[in-house]
Amino acid sequence: MFTPDTKVASPGNIVEFERNEIMFKGKVIPSQCQRSVIVDLTIMDNLDEIDFEYDRTVVAHENYRILS
């Protein structure tokens, strides 16, 4: 089971999150969001294999874990 962090990510951090039982990893990009981050998913090698329409997504702070 996925356990999110309590930390808040900054632009440039790599985060991991789960959506529809699929694990995603991406790089946080600069935004004006206060309760969430925008994540660029293009760093994922298997993004084309996952049926996900966009290469960026918004993730609430309580739904991700910081990897680096």
PDB file of N, CA and C in Angstrom:
ATOM      1  N   MET A   1       0.835  -1.178   0.000  1.00  0.00           N
ATOM      2  CA  MET A   1       0.000   0.000   0.000  1.00  0.00           C
ATOM      3  C   MET A   1       0.887   1.251   0.000  1.00  0.00           C
ATOM      4  N   PHE A   2       0.494   2.244  -0.738  1.00  0.00           N
ATOM      5  CA  PHE A   2       1.245   3.487  -0.868  1.00  0.00           C
ATOM      6  C   PHE A   2       1.007   4.378   0.344  1.00  0.00           C
ATOM      7  N   THR A   3       2.110   4.909   0.909  1.00  0.00           N
ATOM      8  CA  THR A   3       2.020   5.824   2.048  1.00  0.00           C
ATOM      9  C   THR A   3       2.638   7.160   1.665  1.00  0.00           C
ATOM     10  N   PRO A   4       1.839   8.228   1.551  1.00  0.00           N
ATOM     11  CA  PRO A   4       2.369   9.554   1.192  1.00  0.00           C
ATOM     12  C   PRO A   4       3.205  10.166   2.307  1.00  0.00           C
ATOM     13  N   ASP A   5       4.000  11.175   1.940  1.00  0.00           N
ATOM     14  CA  ASP A   5       4.805  11.964   2.876  1.00  0.00           C
ATOM     15  C   ASP A   5       3.949  13.036   3.533  1.00  0.00           C
ATOM     16  N   THR A   6       4.511  13.648   4.558  1.00  0.00           N
ATOM     17  CA  THR A   6       3.883  14.840   5.130  1.00  0.00           C
ATOM     18  C   THR A   6       4.658  16.085   4.707  1.00  0.00           C
ATOM     19  N   LYS A   7       5.748  15.894   3.954  1.00  0.00           N
ATOM     20  CA  LYS A   7       6.569  17.010   3.481  1.00  0.00           C
ATOM     21  C   LYS A   7       5.944  17.636   2.238  1.00  0.00           C
ATOM     22  N   VAL A   8       6.310  18.881   1.965  1.00  0.00           N
ATOM     23  CA  VAL A   8       5.824  19.593   0.779  1.00  0.00           C
ATOM     24  C   VAL A   8       6.973  19.681  -0.222  1.00  0.00           C
ATOM     25  N   ALA A   9       6.732  19.258  -1.448  1.00  0.00           N
ATOM     26  CA  ALA A   9       7.756  19.248  -2.488  1.00  0.00           C
ATOM     27  C   ALA A   9       7.994  20.640  -3.056  1.00  0.00           C
ATOM     28  N   SER A  10       9.193  20.846  -3.555  1.00  0.00           N
ATOM     29  CA  SER A  10       9.594  22.088  -4.219  1.00  0.00           C
ATOM     30  C   SER A  10       9.871  21.796  -5.682  1.00  0.00           C
ATOM     31  N   PRO A  11       9.851  22.828  -6.539  1.00  0.00           N
ATOM     32  CA  PRO A  11      10.193  22.601  -7.945  1.00  0.00           C
ATOM     33  C   PRO A  11      11.556  21.923  -8.064  1.00  0.00           C
ATOM     34  N   GLY A  12      11.599  20.912  -8.907  1.00  0.00           N
ATOM     35  CA  GLY A  12      12.818  20.142  -9.108  1.00  0.00           C
ATOM     36  C   GLY A  12      12.825  18.818  -8.368  1.00  0.00           C
ATOM     37  N   ASN A  13      12.004  18.693  -7.320  1.00  0.00           N
ATOM     38  CA  ASN A  13      11.917  17.430  -6.590  1.00  0.00           C
ATOM     39  C   ASN A  13      11.273  16.359  -7.465  1.00  0.00           C
ATOM     40  N   ILE A  14      11.682  15.119  -7.246  1.00  0.00           N
ATOM     41  CA  ILE A  14      11.053  13.974  -7.889  1.00  0.00           C
ATOM     42  C   ILE A  14      10.078  13.389  -6.870  1.00  0.00           C
ATOM     43  N   VAL A  15       8.829  13.207  -7.293  1.00  0.00           N
ATOM     44  CA  VAL A  15       7.800  12.675  -6.401  1.00  0.00           C
ATOM     45  C   VAL A  15       7.185  11.425  -7.004  1.00  0.00           C
ATOM     46  N   GLU A  16       6.576  10.647  -6.142  1.00  0.00           N
ATOM     47  CA  GLU A  16       5.892   9.426  -6.539  1.00  0.00           C
ATOM     48  C   GLU A  16       4.482   9.484  -5.972  1.00  0.00           C
ATOM     49  N   PHE A  17       3.508   9.038  -6.752  1.00  0.00           N
ATOM     50  CA  PHE A  17       2.117   9.017  -6.292  1.00  0.00           C
ATOM     51  C   PHE A  17       1.376   7.899  -6.984  1.00  0.00           C
ATOM     52  N   GLU A  18       0.239   7.557  -6.419  1.00  0.00           N
ATOM     53  CA  GLU A  18      -0.575   6.482  -6.974  1.00  0.00           C
ATOM     54  C   GLU A  18      -1.891   7.051  -7.485  1.00  0.00           C
ATOM     55  N   ARG A  19      -2.279   6.609  -8.663  1.00  0.00           N
ATOM     56  CA  ARG A  19      -3.568   7.018  -9.226  1.00  0.00           C
ATOM     57  C   ARG A  19      -4.142   5.817  -9.978  1.00  0.00           C
ATOM     58  N   ASN A  20      -5.361   5.446  -9.648  1.00  0.00           N
ATOM     59  CA  ASN A  20      -6.027   4.296 -10.274  1.00  0.00           C
ATOM     60  C   ASN A  20      -5.183   3.031 -10.175  1.00  0.00           C
ATOM     61  N   GLU A  21      -4.576   2.830  -8.995  1.00  0.00           N
ATOM     62  CA  GLU A  21      -3.757   1.655  -8.690  1.00  0.00           C
ATOM     63  C   GLU A  21      -2.493   1.560  -9.545  1.00  0.00           C
ATOM     64  N   ILE A  22      -2.069   2.671 -10.140  1.00  0.00           N
ATOM     65  CA  ILE A  22      -0.833   2.730 -10.929  1.00  0.00           C
ATOM     66  C   ILE A  22       0.104   3.718 -10.247  1.00  0.00           C
ATOM     67  N   MET A  23       1.365   3.331 -10.092  1.00  0.00           N
ATOM     68  CA  MET A  23       2.360   4.218  -9.494  1.00  0.00           C
ATOM     69  C   MET A  23       2.948   5.121 -10.579  1.00  0.00           C
ATOM     70  N   PHE A  24       2.989   6.411 -10.305  1.00  0.00           N
ATOM     71  CA  PHE A  24       3.551   7.402 -11.204  1.00  0.00           C
ATOM     72  C   PHE A  24       4.742   8.067 -10.528  1.00  0.00           C
ATOM     73  N   LYS A  25       5.692   8.524 -11.341  1.00  0.00           N
ATOM     74  CA  LYS A  25       6.839   9.260 -10.836  1.00  0.00           C
ATOM     75  C   LYS A  25       7.045  10.450 -11.761  1.00  0.00           C
ATOM     76  N   GLY A  26       7.353  11.612 -11.182  1.00  0.00           N
ATOM     77  CA  GLY A  26       7.560  12.786 -12.016  1.00  0.00           C
ATOM     78  C   GLY A  26       8.312  13.877 -11.293  1.00  0.00           C
ATOM     79  N   LYS A  27       8.639  14.903 -12.059  1.00  0.00           N
ATOM     80  CA  LYS A  27       9.400  16.037 -11.544  1.00  0.00           C
ATOM     81  C   LYS A  27       8.443  17.200 -11.293  1.00  0.00           C
ATOM     82  N   VAL A  28       8.535  17.796 -10.108  1.00  0.00           N
ATOM     83  CA  VAL A  28       7.695  18.937  -9.751  1.00  0.00           C
ATOM     84  C   VAL A  28       8.174  20.157 -10.530  1.00  0.00           C
ATOM     85  N   ILE A  29       7.231  20.845 -11.178  1.00  0.00           N
ATOM     86  CA  ILE A  29       7.576  22.038 -11.943  1.00  0.00           C
ATOM     87  C   ILE A  29       7.013  23.276 -11.239  1.00  0.00           C
ATOM     88  N   PRO A  30       7.605  24.432 -11.486  1.00  0.00           N
ATOM     89  CA  PRO A  30       7.141  25.656 -10.819  1.00  0.00           C
ATOM     90  C   PRO A  30       5.666  25.955 -11.126  1.00  0.00           C
ATOM     91  N   SER A  31       4.947  26.385 -10.099  1.00  0.00           N
ATOM     92  CA  SER A  31       3.536  26.771 -10.266  1.00  0.00           C
ATOM     93  C   SER A  31       3.140  27.671  -9.104  1.00  0.00           C
ATOM     94  N   GLN A  32       1.962  28.231  -9.195  1.00  0.00           N
ATOM     95  CA  GLN A  32       1.421  29.075  -8.138  1.00  0.00           C
ATOM     96  C   GLN A  32       0.459  28.307  -7.228  1.00  0.00           C
ATOM     97  N   CYS A  33       0.400  26.997  -7.381  1.00  0.00           N
ATOM     98  CA  CYS A  33      -0.499  26.168  -6.578  1.00  0.00           C
ATOM     99  C   CYS A  33      -0.088  26.220  -5.106  1.00  0.00           C
ATOM    100  N   GLN A  34      -1.082  26.278  -4.220  1.00  0.00           N
ATOM    101  CA  GLN A  34      -0.792  26.316  -2.789  1.00  0.00           C
ATOM    102  C   GLN A  34      -1.086  24.987  -2.101  1.00  0.00           C
ATOM    103  N   ARG A  35      -2.059  24.259  -2.583  1.00  0.00           N
ATOM    104  CA  ARG A  35      -2.445  22.995  -1.952  1.00  0.00           C
ATOM    105  C   ARG A  35      -2.035  21.774  -2.761  1.00  0.00           C
ATOM    106  N   SER A  36      -1.287  22.000  -3.837  1.00  0.00           N
ATOM    107  CA  SER A  36      -0.897  20.905  -4.711  1.00  0.00           C
ATOM    108  C   SER A  36       0.352  21.290  -5.502  1.00  0.00           C
ATOM    109  N   VAL A  37       0.859  20.330  -6.278  1.00  0.00           N
ATOM    110  CA  VAL A  37       2.001  20.573  -7.159  1.00  0.00           C
ATOM    111  C   VAL A  37       1.634  20.100  -8.560  1.00  0.00           C
ATOM    112  N   ILE A  38       2.313  20.649  -9.546  1.00  0.00           N
ATOM    113  CA  ILE A  38       2.169  20.166 -10.915  1.00  0.00           C
ATOM    114  C   ILE A  38       3.374  19.276 -11.183  1.00  0.00           C
ATOM    115  N   VAL A  39       3.109  18.071 -11.674  1.00  0.00           N
ATOM    116  CA  VAL A  39       4.148  17.074 -11.865  1.00  0.00           C
ATOM    117  C   VAL A  39       4.291  16.747 -13.350  1.00  0.00           C
ATOM    118  N   ASP A  40       5.523  16.843 -13.852  1.00  0.00           N
ATOM    119  CA  ASP A  40       5.860  16.481 -15.227  1.00  0.00           C
ATOM    120  C   ASP A  40       6.199  14.999 -15.244  1.00  0.00           C
ATOM    121  N   LEU A  41       5.414  14.204 -15.946  1.00  0.00           N
ATOM    122  CA  LEU A  41       5.558  12.751 -15.952  1.00  0.00           C
ATOM    123  C   LEU A  41       6.495  12.231 -17.035  1.00  0.00           C
ATOM    124  N   THR A  42       7.063  13.110 -17.843  1.00  0.00           N
ATOM    125  CA  THR A  42       7.880  12.659 -18.978  1.00  0.00           C
ATOM    126  C   THR A  42       9.167  11.945 -18.554  1.00  0.00           C
ATOM    127  N   ILE A  43       9.512  11.976 -17.266  1.00  0.00           N
ATOM    128  CA  ILE A  43      10.705  11.252 -16.819  1.00  0.00           C
ATOM    129  C   ILE A  43      10.444   9.748 -16.705  1.00  0.00           C
ATOM    130  N   MET A  44       9.173   9.344 -16.778  1.00  0.00           N
ATOM    131  CA  MET A  44       8.829   7.918 -16.681  1.00  0.00           C
ATOM    132  C   MET A  44       9.154   7.215 -17.987  1.00  0.00           C
ATOM    133  N   ASP A  45       9.880   6.109 -17.892  1.00  0.00           N
ATOM    134  CA  ASP A  45      10.230   5.330 -19.086  1.00  0.00           C
ATOM    135  C   ASP A  45       9.012   4.654 -19.708  1.00  0.00           C
ATOM    136  N   ASN A  46       8.044   4.286 -18.890  1.00  0.00           N
ATOM    137  CA  ASN A  46       6.882   3.533 -19.376  1.00  0.00           C
ATOM    138  C   ASN A  46       5.617   4.384 -19.511  1.00  0.00           C
ATOM    139  N   LEU A  47       5.750   5.682 -19.622  1.00  0.00           N
ATOM    140  CA  LEU A  47       4.565   6.547 -19.715  1.00  0.00           C
ATOM    141  C   LEU A  47       3.716   6.217 -20.941  1.00  0.00           C
ATOM    142  N   ASP A  48       4.341   5.865 -22.045  1.00  0.00           N
ATOM    143  CA  ASP A  48       3.588   5.513 -23.251  1.00  0.00           C
ATOM    144  C   ASP A  48       2.766   4.241 -23.067  1.00  0.00           C
ATOM    145  N   GLU A  49       3.235   3.342 -22.217  1.00  0.00           N
ATOM    146  CA  GLU A  49       2.534   2.077 -21.985  1.00  0.00           C
ATOM    147  C   GLU A  49       1.322   2.253 -21.078  1.00  0.00           C
ATOM    148  N   ILE A  50       1.352   3.287 -20.238  1.00  0.00           N
ATOM    149  CA  ILE A  50       0.242   3.556 -19.322  1.00  0.00           C
ATOM    150  C   ILE A  50      -0.814   4.362 -20.075  1.00  0.00           C
ATOM    151  N   ASP A  51      -2.061   3.997 -19.899  1.00  0.00           N
ATOM    152  CA  ASP A  51      -3.147   4.696 -20.583  1.00  0.00           C
ATOM    153  C   ASP A  51      -3.488   5.982 -19.819  1.00  0.00           C
ATOM    154  N   PHE A  52      -2.624   7.010 -19.990  1.00  0.00           N
ATOM    155  CA  PHE A  52      -2.800   8.295 -19.310  1.00  0.00           C
ATOM    156  C   PHE A  52      -2.673   9.373 -20.367  1.00  0.00           C
ATOM    157  N   GLU A  53      -3.675  10.225 -20.526  1.00  0.00           N
ATOM    158  CA  GLU A  53      -3.724  11.155 -21.662  1.00  0.00           C
ATOM    159  C   GLU A  53      -2.727  12.297 -21.617  1.00  0.00           C
ATOM    160  N   TYR A  54      -2.272  12.686 -20.449  1.00  0.00           N
ATOM    161  CA  TYR A  54      -1.446  13.883 -20.328  1.00  0.00           C
ATOM    162  C   TYR A  54      -0.048  13.560 -19.810  1.00  0.00           C
ATOM    163  N   ASP A  55       0.906  14.449 -20.105  1.00  0.00           N
ATOM    164  CA  ASP A  55       2.262  14.240 -19.587  1.00  0.00           C
ATOM    165  C   ASP A  55       2.540  15.100 -18.360  1.00  0.00           C
ATOM    166  N   ARG A  56       1.520  15.863 -17.911  1.00  0.00           N
ATOM    167  CA  ARG A  56       1.583  16.626 -16.665  1.00  0.00           C
ATOM    168  C   ARG A  56       0.281  16.421 -15.913  1.00  0.00           C
ATOM    169  N   THR A  57       0.368  16.510 -14.587  1.00  0.00           N
ATOM    170  CA  THR A  57      -0.833  16.356 -13.781  1.00  0.00           C
ATOM    171  C   THR A  57      -0.682  17.121 -12.471  1.00  0.00           C
ATOM    172  N   VAL A  58      -1.793  17.394 -11.827  1.00  0.00           N
ATOM    173  CA  VAL A  58      -1.805  18.088 -10.537  1.00  0.00           C
ATOM    174  C   VAL A  58      -1.997  17.039  -9.446  1.00  0.00           C
ATOM    175  N   VAL A  59      -1.182  17.147  -8.394  1.00  0.00           N
ATOM    176  CA  VAL A  59      -1.259  16.197  -7.284  1.00  0.00           C
ATOM    177  C   VAL A  59      -1.300  16.980  -5.971  1.00  0.00           C
ATOM    178  N   ALA A  60      -2.289  16.702  -5.143  1.00  0.00           N
ATOM    179  CA  ALA A  60      -2.409  17.360  -3.842  1.00  0.00           C
ATOM    180  C   ALA A  60      -1.230  16.965  -2.955  1.00  0.00           C
ATOM    181  N   HIS A  61      -0.833  17.884  -2.068  1.00  0.00           N
ATOM    182  CA  HIS A  61       0.316  17.642  -1.199  1.00  0.00           C
ATOM    183  C   HIS A  61       0.181  16.351  -0.376  1.00  0.00           C
ATOM    184  N   GLU A  62      -1.033  16.020   0.020  1.00  0.00           N
ATOM    185  CA  GLU A  62      -1.208  14.833   0.856  1.00  0.00           C
ATOM    186  C   GLU A  62      -1.231  13.516   0.072  1.00  0.00           C
ATOM    187  N   ASN A  63      -0.997  13.592  -1.261  1.00  0.00           N
ATOM    188  CA  ASN A  63      -1.099  12.378  -2.090  1.00  0.00           C
ATOM    189  C   ASN A  63       0.201  11.950  -2.744  1.00  0.00           C
ATOM    190  N   TYR A  64       1.322  12.521  -2.366  1.00  0.00           N
ATOM    191  CA  TYR A  64       2.593  12.102  -2.969  1.00  0.00           C
ATOM    192  C   TYR A  64       3.671  11.886  -1.920  1.00  0.00           C
ATOM    193  N   ARG A  65       4.749  11.250  -2.374  1.00  0.00           N
ATOM    194  CA  ARG A  65       5.923  11.004  -1.542  1.00  0.00           C
ATOM    195  C   ARG A  65       7.137  11.567  -2.298  1.00  0.00           C
ATOM    196  N   ILE A  66       7.996  12.302  -1.613  1.00  0.00           N
ATOM    197  CA  ILE A  66       9.192  12.877  -2.232  1.00  0.00           C
ATOM    198  C   ILE A  66      10.277  11.817  -2.305  1.00  0.00           C
ATOM    199  N   LEU A  67      10.808  11.595  -3.509  1.00  0.00           N
ATOM    200  CA  LEU A  67      11.896  10.632  -3.697  1.00  0.00           C
ATOM    201  C   LEU A  67      13.259  11.314  -3.650  1.00  0.00           C
ATOM    202  N   SER A  68      13.340  12.510  -4.225  1.00  0.00           N
ATOM    203  CA  SER A  68      14.610  13.263  -4.182  1.00  0.00           C
ATOM    204  C   SER A  68      14.355  14.723  -4.480  1.00  0.00           C
TER     205      SER A  68
END
